[in-house]
C-alpha atoms as a PDB file:
ATOM      1  CA  MET A   1      11.728  15.836  -3.140  1.00  0.00           C
ATOM      2  CA  PRO A   2      11.650  12.571  -1.154  1.00  0.00           C
ATOM      3  CA  ASN A   3       8.320  11.010  -0.279  1.00  0.00           C
ATOM      4  CA  THR A   4       8.648  10.653   3.497  1.00  0.00           C
ATOM      5  CA  PHE A   5       5.286   8.885   3.863  1.00  0.00           C
ATOM      6  CA  GLN A   6       6.286   6.185   1.400  1.00  0.00           C
ATOM      7  CA  GLU A   7       9.744   5.814   2.946  1.00  0.00           C
ATOM      8  CA  ASN A   8       8.086   5.087   6.301  1.00  0.00           C
ATOM      9  CA  LEU A   9       5.272   2.959   4.907  1.00  0.00           C
ATOM     10  CA  ALA A  10       6.263  -0.134   6.900  1.00  0.00           C
ATOM     11  CA  GLU A  11       5.736   1.825  10.130  1.00  0.00           C
ATOM     12  CA  ASN A  12       2.174   2.834   9.225  1.00  0.00           C
ATOM     13  CA  ALA A  13      -0.411   1.008  11.364  1.00  0.00           C
ATOM     14  CA  TYR A  14      -2.908   0.702   8.508  1.00  0.00           C
ATOM     15  CA  PHE A  15      -0.238  -0.695   6.175  1.00  0.00           C
ATOM     16  CA  GLN A  16       0.759  -3.230   8.830  1.00  0.00           C
ATOM     17  CA  SER A  17      -2.876  -4.325   9.166  1.00  0.00           C
ATOM     18  CA  LEU A  18      -3.123  -5.225   5.465  1.00  0.00           C
ATOM     19  CA  PRO A  19      -2.692  -8.787   4.229  1.00  0.00           C
ATOM     20  CA  VAL A  20       0.900  -9.580   3.271  1.00  0.00           C
ATOM     21  CA  PHE A  21       0.042  -9.965  -0.426  1.00  0.00           C
ATOM     22  CA  VAL A  22      -1.374  -6.412  -0.472  1.00  0.00           C
ATOM     23  CA  GLN A  23       1.693  -5.027   1.315  1.00  0.00           C
ATOM     24  CA  GLU A  24       4.018  -6.742  -1.159  1.00  0.00           C
ATOM     25  CA  THR A  25       1.992  -5.646  -4.180  1.00  0.00           C
ATOM     26  CA  ILE A  26       2.110  -2.024  -3.013  1.00  0.00           C
ATOM     27  CA  ARG A  27       5.849  -2.212  -2.315  1.00  0.00           C
ATOM     28  CA  GLN A  28       6.625  -3.786  -5.687  1.00  0.00           C
ATOM     29  CA  SER A  29       4.233  -1.678  -7.764  1.00  0.00           C
ATOM     30  CA  GLY A  30       6.397   1.422  -7.807  1.00  0.00           C
ATOM     31  CA  ILE A  31       3.321   3.587  -7.258  1.00  0.00           C
ATOM     32  CA  SER A  32       3.977   6.803  -5.360  1.00  0.00           C
ATOM     33  CA  ILE A  33       1.804   6.997  -2.251  1.00  0.00           C
ATOM     34  CA  LYS A  34       1.872  10.428  -0.640  1.00  0.00           C
ATOM     35  CA  ASN A  35      -0.461   9.968   2.335  1.00  0.00           C
ATOM     36  CA  GLU A  36      -2.651   7.489   4.167  1.00  0.00           C
ATOM     37  CA  GLU A  37      -5.716   8.358   2.104  1.00  0.00           C
ATOM     38  CA  GLU A  38      -3.905   7.297  -1.082  1.00  0.00           C
ATOM     39  CA  LEU A  39      -2.667   4.171   0.696  1.00  0.00           C
ATOM     40  CA  ARG A  40      -6.225   3.241   1.701  1.00  0.00           C
ATOM     41  CA  GLU A  41      -7.536   3.801  -1.843  1.00  0.00           C
ATOM     42  CA  CYS A  42      -4.786   1.671  -3.337  1.00  0.00           C
ATOM     43  CA  ALA A  43      -5.275  -1.122  -0.791  1.00  0.00           C
ATOM     44  CA  GLN A  44      -9.049  -1.158  -1.268  1.00  0.00           C
ATOM     45  CA  ASN A  45      -8.617  -1.447  -5.028  1.00  0.00           C
ATOM     46  CA  LEU A  46      -6.252  -4.381  -4.567  1.00  0.00           C
ATOM     47  CA  LEU A  47      -8.600  -6.094  -2.135  1.00  0.00           C
ATOM     48  CA  LYS A  48     -11.508  -5.791  -4.607  1.00  0.00           C
ATOM     49  CA  ARG A  49      -9.569  -7.556  -7.405  1.00  0.00           C
ATOM     50  CA  PRO A  50     -10.470 -11.194  -7.893  1.00  0.00           C
ATOM     51  CA  ASN A  51      -7.750 -13.598  -6.871  1.00  0.00           C
ATOM     52  CA  GLN A  52      -5.772 -14.716  -9.892  1.00  0.00           C
ATOM     53  CA  GLN A  53      -4.355 -18.081  -8.874  1.00  0.00           C
END
C-alpha cells in the first residue's frame, strides 16, 4: 500500500519549514514516515544531533 503522506512530503508546511539539510536527510534516509507526528519526531531527532563537519 502506497504511503500517500510520504509521497506528498514536499507539500507539507512543516516539512517546508525545516532546514534544507534536514529535508534532504529525511528524503535520502529511506525511512517510512506515515504522518506528521512521525515527521516531527524524525526532524527533532536530526536537529538534536551535533553537526558533523
